[in-house]
Amino acid sequence: MHAIFLLLLFSSFNPVKPNILPENVTGGSSGIGKCIAMECYKHGAFITLVARDEHKLVQAKKEVEKCAINDKQVVLCISVDVSKDYNQVESVIKQAQEKLGPVDMLVNCAGTSISGKFEEVEVDRFKKMMEVNYLGSVYPTRAVITTMKERRMGRIMFVSSQAGLIGLFGYTAYSPSKFALRGLAEALQMEMKPYNIYVTVAYPPDTDTPGFAEENKTKPLETKLISETAGVCQPEQVAKVVVKDAVQGNFSSSFGPDGYMLSALTCGMSPVTSITEGLQQIVTMGLFRTIALFYLGSFDSIVRRCMIQREQSKAADKRE
């Protein structure tokens, strides 16, 4: 299991206008979170990086600062586990706002990943997934929402996963925690929209990050083969798309043709950003469902083939 705790708090961040705004990022010490921070810093944001590993935070701070566009920008780093103690998280964010001003955009990137067969995953890992991947986003969001409502402005981003749209072999602990973020985002968007606060939930595919590399070391063969049917994105690419969608107020942020198809196919009762988006989903639903059935058939075939090969290997070992 590889854990990355990242919270980004962006203060004075608004790429559309020339003035500088604040942003907070959880899980900003590496991977997608760090790249999101760098992307926003290029637009003049004041940034707070919140992560568990203090050493990684310091290194991330140096990399983000290289993207500055003026000498007034600030990168604040705070080391805390955003999934454990709400009061501590609230205190940390309060400190950040006292130093850099109210949060204009919160990016919840805190996350950890584990893959394995359901019966082989230790029971406490299921709890850990929910604590980090779900509560690690609930706590920071709860800490900033009141101020955003008072100011009648704000952006909140949840970084989920394509595994938060479809359950796959080996992700019985991981997928539910990422699915939970979507439910939170949908309910929160309905509550916050009257206050001019917009929620974005991102569904990145496999991305070339330290966490992904670590996960691959113990990933079941079936999961690896299924993952290989899609490509691996670079975190810089994901960051650009995520930031653009969040600034535009898009509820859903997907990546590539497969990501768009999966997001549209599973849209259900999710809010839409425009009438055009809704019409596109209506028109393409039947076609995408047809394509999805072929994908699912292929995934099932991979699982069956691996099972047969494993049983044949066991039988050969017994004969020897």
Protein backbone atom coordinates (compact mmCIF):
# COMPACT_ATOMS: atom_id res chain seq x y z
CA MET A 1 0.00 0.00 0.00
CA HIS A 2 1.27 3.44 -0.89
CA ALA A 3 -0.16 6.51 0.80
CA ILE A 4 0.03 10.09 -0.34
CA PHE A 5 -1.67 12.74 1.75
CA LEU A 6 -2.20 15.95 -0.16
CA LEU A 7 -4.29 18.99 0.40
CA LEU A 8 -3.98 22.07 -1.75
CA LEU A 9 -5.36 25.35 -0.52
CA PHE A 10 -5.24 27.99 -3.22
CA SER A 11 -5.58 31.53 -1.99
CA SER A 12 -5.99 34.34 -4.45
CA PHE A 13 -6.29 32.03 -7.44
CA ASN A 14 -8.18 33.04 -10.58
CA PRO A 15 -6.54 32.26 -13.91
CA VAL A 16 -9.32 34.13 -15.72
CA LYS A 17 -8.51 37.44 -14.04
CA PRO A 18 -5.14 39.08 -13.43
CA ASN A 19 -5.51 39.36 -9.66
CA ILE A 20 -3.96 36.71 -7.42
CA LEU A 21 -6.15 34.30 -5.43
CA PRO A 22 -5.44 31.64 -2.71
CA GLU A 23 -5.48 27.87 -3.10
CA ASN A 24 -5.08 24.93 -0.74
CA VAL A 25 -3.89 21.51 -1.90
CA THR A 26 -3.99 18.32 0.14
CA GLY A 27 -1.63 15.61 -1.04
CA GLY A 28 0.56 18.17 -2.75
CA SER A 29 3.95 16.70 -2.00
CA SER A 30 4.07 14.42 -5.06
CA GLY A 31 2.28 13.10 -8.13
CA ILE A 32 -0.91 14.72 -9.38
CA GLY A 33 -1.22 17.03 -6.38
CA LYS A 34 2.20 18.55 -6.86
CA CYS A 35 1.58 19.05 -10.57
CA ILE A 36 -1.75 20.76 -9.84
CA ALA A 37 0.06 23.08 -7.46
CA MET A 38 2.68 23.86 -10.10
CA GLU A 39 0.02 24.50 -12.74
CA CYS A 40 -1.84 26.93 -10.48
CA TYR A 41 1.35 28.67 -9.40
CA LYS A 42 1.99 29.44 -13.07
CA HIS A 43 -1.27 31.41 -12.94
CA GLY A 44 -0.21 33.45 -9.91
CA ALA A 45 -1.81 31.48 -7.08
CA PHE A 46 -0.80 31.67 -3.43
CA ILE A 47 -0.57 28.03 -2.39
CA THR A 48 -0.69 25.98 0.78
CA LEU A 49 0.59 22.43 0.43
CA VAL A 50 -0.62 20.03 3.09
CA ALA A 51 0.82 16.53 3.28
CA ARG A 52 2.02 14.02 5.85
CA ASP A 53 5.69 13.72 4.80
CA GLU A 54 7.54 16.87 5.82
CA HIS A 55 10.64 16.05 3.74
CA LYS A 56 8.59 15.58 0.58
CA LEU A 57 6.76 18.82 1.30
CA VAL A 58 10.02 20.75 1.39
CA GLN A 59 11.11 19.24 -1.92
CA ALA A 60 7.71 19.93 -3.49
CA LYS A 61 7.83 23.53 -2.29
CA LYS A 62 11.13 24.06 -4.11
CA GLU A 63 9.74 22.63 -7.34
CA VAL A 64 6.54 24.65 -7.16
CA GLU A 65 8.42 27.90 -6.46
CA LYS A 66 10.31 27.48 -9.74
CA CYS A 67 7.00 28.09 -11.53
CA ALA A 68 6.45 31.55 -10.04
CA ILE A 69 5.39 34.36 -12.37
CA ASN A 70 6.03 37.16 -9.87
CA ASP A 71 7.97 37.75 -6.67
CA LYS A 72 4.84 38.21 -4.54
CA GLN A 73 3.73 34.59 -4.69
CA VAL A 74 4.01 32.37 -1.63
CA VAL A 75 4.06 28.60 -1.08
CA LEU A 76 3.16 27.59 2.46
CA CYS A 77 3.80 24.01 3.63
CA ILE A 78 2.06 22.31 6.55
CA SER A 79 2.66 18.71 7.62
CA VAL A 80 -0.44 16.94 8.93
CA ASP A 81 -2.40 13.74 8.31
CA VAL A 82 -5.70 15.06 6.94
CA SER A 83 -7.50 11.76 7.56
CA LYS A 84 -7.08 11.43 11.32
CA ASP A 85 -8.22 14.39 13.43
CA TYR A 86 -10.75 16.90 12.10
CA ASN A 87 -9.93 19.47 14.77
CA GLN A 88 -6.27 19.37 13.76
CA VAL A 89 -7.15 19.75 10.08
CA GLU A 90 -9.44 22.68 10.86
CA SER A 91 -6.66 24.34 12.87
CA VAL A 92 -4.15 23.87 10.05
CA ILE A 93 -6.45 25.41 7.46
CA LYS A 94 -7.25 28.27 9.79
CA GLN A 95 -3.51 28.97 10.08
CA ALA A 96 -3.17 28.94 6.30
CA GLN A 97 -6.03 31.40 5.87
CA GLU A 98 -4.59 33.72 8.49
CA LYS A 99 -1.32 33.87 6.56
CA LEU A 100 -2.50 33.87 2.95
CA GLY A 101 -6.14 34.89 3.10
CA PRO A 102 -9.38 32.96 2.57
CA VAL A 103 -9.29 29.87 0.39
CA ASP A 104 -10.64 30.37 -3.11
CA MET A 105 -10.02 26.81 -4.27
CA LEU A 106 -9.51 23.61 -2.31
CA VAL A 107 -7.99 20.63 -4.08
CA ASN A 108 -8.46 17.33 -2.26
CA CYS A 109 -5.76 14.95 -3.50
CA ALA A 110 -5.17 12.96 -0.33
CA GLY A 111 -5.16 9.34 -1.35
CA THR A 112 -3.79 5.87 -0.94
CA SER A 113 -4.11 2.81 -3.13
CA ILE A 114 -4.08 -0.90 -2.49
CA SER A 115 -4.95 -3.76 -4.82
CA GLY A 116 -5.54 -7.39 -4.05
CA LYS A 117 -8.16 -10.10 -4.06
CA PHE A 118 -11.03 -9.43 -1.69
CA GLU A 119 -10.35 -12.37 0.61
CA GLU A 120 -6.62 -11.61 0.72
CA VAL A 121 -6.87 -7.93 1.68
CA GLU A 122 -6.49 -7.44 5.43
CA VAL A 123 -9.74 -6.20 6.96
CA ASP A 124 -8.16 -3.10 8.47
CA ARG A 125 -7.09 -2.02 4.96
CA PHE A 126 -10.74 -1.41 4.05
CA LYS A 127 -11.02 0.98 6.96
CA LYS A 128 -7.77 2.67 5.98
CA MET A 129 -9.01 3.25 2.44
CA MET A 130 -12.12 5.03 3.67
CA GLU A 131 -10.20 7.10 6.19
CA VAL A 132 -7.64 8.38 3.72
CA ASN A 133 -9.53 8.50 0.42
CA TYR A 134 -12.88 9.66 1.80
CA LEU A 135 -12.48 11.28 5.21
CA GLY A 136 -9.19 12.77 4.01
CA SER A 137 -11.34 14.87 1.66
CA VAL A 138 -14.33 15.38 3.97
CA TYR A 139 -12.29 17.02 6.75
CA PRO A 140 -10.54 19.72 4.68
CA THR A 141 -13.76 20.48 2.80
CA ARG A 142 -15.70 20.84 6.04
CA ALA A 143 -13.00 23.22 7.31
CA VAL A 144 -13.30 25.67 4.39
CA ILE A 145 -16.97 25.51 3.45
CA THR A 146 -18.33 27.99 6.00
CA THR A 147 -15.98 30.77 4.90
CA MET A 148 -16.71 30.05 1.24
CA LYS A 149 -20.45 30.36 1.89
CA GLU A 150 -19.96 33.65 3.72
CA ARG A 151 -17.95 35.00 0.79
CA ARG A 152 -20.36 33.56 -1.80
CA MET A 153 -17.51 32.13 -3.84
CA GLY A 154 -15.22 29.12 -4.04
CA ARG A 155 -14.10 26.02 -5.88
CA ILE A 156 -13.77 22.56 -4.34
CA MET A 157 -12.10 19.72 -6.21
CA PHE A 158 -12.10 16.03 -5.35
CA VAL A 159 -9.57 13.82 -7.12
CA SER A 160 -11.26 10.45 -7.48
CA SER A 161 -10.23 7.86 -10.09
CA GLN A 162 -11.64 5.96 -13.03
CA ALA A 163 -11.88 3.19 -10.43
CA GLY A 164 -14.42 5.49 -8.79
CA LEU A 165 -16.68 5.00 -11.82
CA ILE A 166 -16.25 1.28 -12.41
CA GLY A 167 -15.42 -1.54 -10.02
CA LEU A 168 -12.53 -3.66 -11.24
CA PHE A 169 -10.83 -6.89 -10.20
CA GLY A 170 -8.41 -6.23 -7.34
CA TYR A 171 -9.98 -2.94 -6.23
CA THR A 172 -12.61 -4.11 -3.74
CA ALA A 173 -11.01 -1.91 -1.07
CA TYR A 174 -9.95 0.99 -3.27
CA SER A 175 -12.93 1.50 -5.61
CA PRO A 176 -15.60 1.97 -2.89
CA SER A 177 -13.57 4.75 -1.27
CA LYS A 178 -13.32 6.54 -4.62
CA PHE A 179 -17.00 5.94 -5.41
CA ALA A 180 -17.81 7.63 -2.10
CA LEU A 181 -16.21 10.87 -3.30
CA ARG A 182 -18.67 11.09 -6.15
CA GLY A 183 -21.63 10.77 -3.79
CA LEU A 184 -20.15 13.47 -1.59
CA ALA A 185 -19.49 15.74 -4.56
CA GLU A 186 -23.01 15.38 -5.99
CA ALA A 187 -24.72 16.10 -2.67
CA LEU A 188 -22.36 18.95 -1.84
CA GLN A 189 -22.80 20.59 -5.25
CA MET A 190 -26.58 20.72 -4.76
CA GLU A 191 -26.10 22.40 -1.38
CA MET A 192 -23.43 24.84 -2.48
CA LYS A 193 -24.60 25.98 -5.92
CA PRO A 194 -26.88 28.75 -4.54
CA TYR A 195 -23.79 30.21 -2.84
CA ASN A 196 -21.76 30.37 -6.08
CA ILE A 197 -19.54 27.54 -4.89
CA TYR A 198 -18.78 24.92 -7.51
CA VAL A 199 -17.61 21.35 -7.05
CA THR A 200 -15.46 19.38 -9.47
CA VAL A 201 -14.74 15.66 -9.20
CA ALA A 202 -11.87 14.38 -11.33
CA TYR A 203 -11.56 10.81 -12.59
CA PRO A 204 -7.95 10.36 -13.75
CA PRO A 205 -6.84 7.04 -15.26
CA ASP A 206 -3.63 5.27 -14.28
CA THR A 207 -1.09 8.06 -13.91
CA ASP A 208 2.69 7.86 -13.82
CA THR A 209 3.23 8.77 -10.17
CA PRO A 210 5.30 7.31 -7.30
CA GLY A 211 2.10 5.84 -5.85
CA PHE A 212 1.25 4.07 -9.11
CA ALA A 213 4.75 2.59 -9.34
CA GLU A 214 4.52 1.34 -5.76
CA GLU A 215 1.08 -0.16 -6.33
CA ASN A 216 2.30 -2.09 -9.38
CA LYS A 217 4.73 -4.05 -7.21
CA THR A 218 1.90 -6.01 -5.58
CA LYS A 219 -0.90 -5.69 -8.12
CA PRO A 220 -2.64 -8.98 -9.06
CA LEU A 221 -1.98 -10.24 -12.58
CA GLU A 222 -5.64 -9.78 -13.54
CA THR A 223 -5.57 -6.15 -12.44
CA LYS A 224 -2.36 -5.51 -14.36
CA LEU A 225 -3.75 -6.99 -17.56
CA ILE A 226 -6.98 -5.01 -17.27
CA SER A 227 -5.03 -1.80 -16.59
CA GLU A 228 -2.88 -2.39 -19.63
CA THR A 229 -5.93 -2.12 -21.89
CA ALA A 230 -5.71 1.64 -21.28
CA GLY A 231 -2.71 3.93 -21.36
CA VAL A 232 -0.86 5.65 -18.55
CA CYS A 233 -1.19 9.42 -18.27
CA GLN A 234 1.46 11.86 -17.14
CA PRO A 235 0.59 13.88 -14.01
CA GLU A 236 1.32 17.15 -15.82
CA GLN A 237 -1.37 16.31 -18.38
CA VAL A 238 -3.87 15.46 -15.66
CA ALA A 239 -3.10 18.69 -13.79
CA LYS A 240 -3.79 20.88 -16.82
CA VAL A 241 -7.17 19.26 -17.46
CA VAL A 242 -8.19 19.29 -13.80
CA VAL A 243 -7.34 22.96 -13.26
CA LYS A 244 -9.11 24.01 -16.45
CA ASP A 245 -12.28 22.10 -15.52
CA ALA A 246 -12.28 23.43 -11.96
CA VAL A 247 -11.88 27.04 -13.09
CA GLN A 248 -14.70 26.61 -15.61
CA GLY A 249 -16.93 25.14 -12.92
CA ASN A 250 -17.33 21.76 -14.61
CA PHE A 251 -18.68 19.12 -12.27
CA SER A 252 -16.96 16.18 -13.94
CA SER A 253 -13.37 16.11 -15.15
CA SER A 254 -12.34 13.18 -17.34
CA PHE A 255 -9.28 12.31 -19.42
CA GLY A 256 -9.04 11.02 -22.97
CA PRO A 257 -11.69 9.23 -25.08
CA ASP A 258 -12.02 6.29 -22.65
CA GLY A 259 -12.40 8.64 -19.71
CA TYR A 260 -15.02 10.73 -21.49
CA MET A 261 -16.99 7.63 -22.47
CA LEU A 262 -16.88 6.21 -18.95
CA SER A 263 -17.86 9.52 -17.37
CA ALA A 264 -20.76 10.03 -19.79
CA LEU A 265 -21.91 6.42 -19.46
CA THR A 266 -22.07 6.59 -15.67
CA CYS A 267 -23.38 10.16 -15.39
CA GLY A 268 -26.70 9.04 -13.86
CA MET A 269 -28.05 11.94 -11.79
CA SER A 270 -24.82 13.92 -11.82
CA PRO A 271 -25.21 17.65 -12.48
CA VAL A 272 -24.30 19.01 -15.89
CA THR A 273 -22.41 22.19 -16.66
CA SER A 274 -24.41 23.03 -19.79
CA ILE A 275 -27.39 21.93 -21.85
CA THR A 276 -24.95 20.85 -24.56
CA GLU A 277 -23.24 18.47 -22.16
CA GLY A 278 -26.57 16.95 -21.17
CA LEU A 279 -27.64 16.48 -24.79
CA GLN A 280 -24.31 14.82 -25.64
CA GLN A 281 -24.81 12.35 -22.82
CA ILE A 282 -28.34 11.53 -23.99
CA VAL A 283 -27.30 11.01 -27.61
CA THR A 284 -24.21 8.88 -26.87
CA MET A 285 -25.57 6.76 -24.01
CA GLY A 286 -26.71 3.82 -26.17
CA LEU A 287 -23.50 3.70 -28.20
CA PHE A 288 -21.30 3.96 -25.13
CA ARG A 289 -23.23 1.20 -23.38
CA THR A 290 -22.64 -1.07 -26.36
CA ILE A 291 -18.92 -0.36 -26.31
CA ALA A 292 -18.82 -0.84 -22.54
CA LEU A 293 -20.30 -4.31 -22.84
CA PHE A 294 -17.41 -5.33 -25.08
CA TYR A 295 -14.95 -3.93 -22.52
CA LEU A 296 -16.63 -5.82 -19.70
CA GLY A 297 -16.59 -9.02 -21.74
CA SER A 298 -12.89 -8.55 -22.35
CA PHE A 299 -12.21 -7.98 -18.64
CA ASP A 300 -14.20 -11.09 -17.67
CA SER A 301 -12.24 -13.07 -20.25
CA ILE A 302 -8.95 -11.91 -18.71
CA VAL A 303 -10.10 -12.98 -15.24
CA ARG A 304 -11.26 -16.41 -16.45
CA ARG A 305 -8.05 -16.98 -18.40
CA CYS A 306 -5.90 -16.14 -15.39
CA MET A 307 -7.95 -18.45 -13.19
CA ILE A 308 -7.60 -21.33 -15.65
CA GLN A 309 -3.85 -20.80 -15.99
CA ARG A 310 -3.47 -20.71 -12.21
CA GLU A 311 -5.44 -23.93 -11.75
CA GLN A 312 -3.45 -25.67 -14.49
CA SER A 313 -0.22 -24.56 -12.85
CA LYS A 314 -1.37 -25.93 -9.47
CA ALA A 315 -2.36 -29.23 -11.07
CA ALA A 316 1.06 -29.52 -12.77
CA ASP A 317 2.82 -28.84 -9.47
CA LYS A 318 0.84 -31.61 -7.78
CA ARG A 319 1.71 -34.10 -10.50
CA GLU A 320 5.39 -33.35 -9.98
